[in-house]
Amino acid sequence: MESLVKKQFVLLLMFFALPILSADLYSKNHQLYEIKSKHFIFIYPEDCKTEAFYLVQNAEEILQEVCSLLNTTFTDTLPVALTKDHQSLNGGFTPFPSNRIYLYLAPISPDSGFAVYNDSLRKLFLHELT
């Protein structure tokens, strides 16, 4: 009996988790592009090209800053997905199903914590990287 309850619980959990796990980062179909640096793969649609090229030029320096401050090394390759399909500047890191960063690029609200920075994209990337 206990085994049946466990199986039902797992099935119920999977039922509610699937929509979350399959959520789309992009609100519509986009052709996606990739550019790479030593430790990062930037995945972006055409409307994020400028930001992606900025990050590929600066990401390794930002990573070195973080590694130096934390007295560590980084040997992996980390995907970074960029999108403008959201209404507020934000981002996140997730280890599931694999380590990756996603960045929501949007105009900065004056009420946002990022409004005080001169280089909000750099600060957002740094925040999600750490």
Protein backbone atom coordinates (compact mmCIF):
# COMPACT_ATOMS: atom_id res chain seq x y z
CA MET A 1 0.00 0.00 0.00
CA GLU A 2 2.80 2.42 0.93
CA SER A 3 4.47 1.75 -2.43
CA LEU A 4 1.26 2.69 -4.27
CA VAL A 5 1.05 5.99 -2.37
CA LYS A 6 4.67 6.77 -3.27
CA LYS A 7 4.02 6.04 -6.95
CA GLN A 8 0.91 8.24 -6.94
CA PHE A 9 2.86 11.05 -5.27
CA VAL A 10 5.65 10.84 -7.87
CA LEU A 11 3.14 10.86 -10.74
CA LEU A 12 1.33 13.85 -9.25
CA LEU A 13 4.61 15.69 -8.77
CA MET A 14 5.63 15.01 -12.38
CA PHE A 15 2.24 16.22 -13.61
CA PHE A 16 2.69 19.60 -11.93
CA ALA A 17 6.42 19.91 -12.70
CA LEU A 18 6.22 19.29 -16.46
CA PRO A 19 4.72 22.69 -17.41
CA ILE A 20 7.39 24.45 -15.37
CA LEU A 21 10.23 22.41 -16.86
CA SER A 22 9.05 22.97 -20.41
CA ALA A 23 8.44 26.72 -20.13
CA ASP A 24 9.66 28.62 -23.16
CA LEU A 25 12.29 31.29 -22.80
CA TYR A 26 11.15 32.89 -26.05
CA SER A 27 7.56 34.05 -26.51
CA LYS A 28 7.54 33.33 -30.24
CA ASN A 29 9.55 31.38 -32.75
CA HIS A 30 12.94 32.98 -33.32
CA GLN A 31 15.90 31.94 -35.38
CA LEU A 32 18.63 31.50 -32.80
CA TYR A 33 22.33 32.17 -33.23
CA GLU A 34 25.39 31.20 -31.21
CA ILE A 35 28.71 32.85 -30.55
CA LYS A 36 31.33 31.34 -28.29
CA SER A 37 34.13 32.43 -26.05
CA LYS A 38 36.46 30.14 -24.12
CA HIS A 39 33.96 29.45 -21.30
CA PHE A 40 30.59 30.61 -22.68
CA ILE A 41 28.15 29.85 -25.48
CA PHE A 42 25.83 32.82 -26.07
CA ILE A 43 22.49 31.84 -27.60
CA TYR A 44 20.45 34.75 -28.93
CA PRO A 45 17.83 35.85 -31.46
CA GLU A 46 18.64 38.59 -34.00
CA ASP A 47 17.23 41.37 -31.80
CA CYS A 48 19.82 40.54 -29.09
CA LYS A 49 22.83 40.53 -31.40
CA THR A 50 24.36 43.74 -30.02
CA GLU A 51 24.12 42.51 -26.43
CA ALA A 52 25.47 39.07 -27.34
CA PHE A 53 28.52 40.58 -29.06
CA TYR A 54 29.10 42.87 -26.09
CA LEU A 55 29.02 39.90 -23.72
CA VAL A 56 31.30 37.70 -25.83
CA GLN A 57 33.86 40.52 -25.77
CA ASN A 58 33.61 41.03 -21.99
CA ALA A 59 32.55 37.70 -20.45
CA GLU A 60 36.01 36.23 -19.97
CA GLU A 61 37.20 39.36 -18.16
CA ILE A 62 34.13 39.28 -15.91
CA LEU A 63 34.73 35.58 -15.22
CA GLN A 64 38.34 36.29 -14.26
CA GLU A 65 37.12 38.98 -11.84
CA VAL A 66 34.77 36.50 -10.17
CA CYS A 67 37.36 33.71 -10.04
CA SER A 68 39.94 36.07 -8.57
CA LEU A 69 37.58 37.37 -5.88
CA LEU A 70 36.44 33.87 -4.96
CA ASN A 71 39.92 32.36 -5.25
CA THR A 72 38.72 29.64 -7.62
CA THR A 73 39.02 28.45 -11.21
CA PHE A 74 36.37 27.76 -13.83
CA THR A 75 36.87 25.09 -16.47
CA ASP A 76 33.34 24.44 -17.77
CA THR A 77 31.53 25.89 -20.75
CA LEU A 78 28.35 27.66 -19.68
CA PRO A 79 25.42 28.39 -22.04
CA VAL A 80 23.96 31.90 -21.73
CA ALA A 81 20.57 32.50 -23.37
CA LEU A 82 19.48 36.07 -24.15
CA THR A 83 15.97 37.26 -24.89
CA LYS A 84 13.99 40.49 -25.15
CA ASP A 85 10.69 38.65 -24.81
CA HIS A 86 10.11 39.84 -21.25
CA GLN A 87 9.07 43.19 -19.85
CA SER A 88 11.69 43.67 -17.15
CA LEU A 89 15.45 43.37 -16.95
CA ASN A 90 16.21 40.19 -15.07
CA GLY A 91 18.04 36.92 -15.30
CA GLY A 92 18.69 33.66 -13.63
CA PHE A 93 20.91 30.66 -13.23
CA THR A 94 19.63 27.13 -13.15
CA PRO A 95 21.46 23.85 -12.64
CA PHE A 96 18.54 21.79 -14.01
CA PRO A 97 18.75 19.96 -16.34
CA SER A 98 22.22 21.47 -16.81
CA ASN A 99 24.02 24.60 -15.66
CA ARG A 100 23.00 27.66 -17.67
CA ILE A 101 22.30 31.37 -17.40
CA TYR A 102 19.38 33.19 -18.97
CA LEU A 103 19.19 36.96 -19.33
CA TYR A 104 15.96 38.88 -19.91
CA LEU A 105 16.96 42.08 -21.68
CA ALA A 106 14.51 44.96 -21.35
CA PRO A 107 14.54 48.70 -20.80
CA ILE A 108 15.46 49.58 -17.24
CA SER A 109 12.70 50.90 -15.03
CA PRO A 110 13.76 53.91 -12.91
CA ASP A 111 12.48 51.92 -9.91
CA SER A 112 14.75 48.98 -10.70
CA GLY A 113 17.83 48.20 -8.66
CA PHE A 114 19.77 48.21 -11.94
CA ALA A 115 18.92 51.88 -12.61
CA VAL A 116 21.91 53.00 -10.52
CA TYR A 117 24.47 51.24 -12.74
CA ASN A 118 26.16 52.69 -15.82
CA ASP A 119 26.54 49.25 -17.40
CA SER A 120 23.45 47.28 -16.46
CA LEU A 121 24.13 44.38 -18.84
CA ARG A 122 27.57 43.82 -17.31
CA LYS A 123 26.10 43.95 -13.78
CA LEU A 124 23.27 41.57 -14.71
CA PHE A 125 25.70 39.06 -16.21
CA LEU A 126 28.05 39.39 -13.22
CA HIS A 127 25.13 38.87 -10.82
CA GLU A 128 23.93 35.70 -12.57
CA LEU A 129 27.47 34.37 -12.99
CA THR A 130 28.17 34.59 -9.27
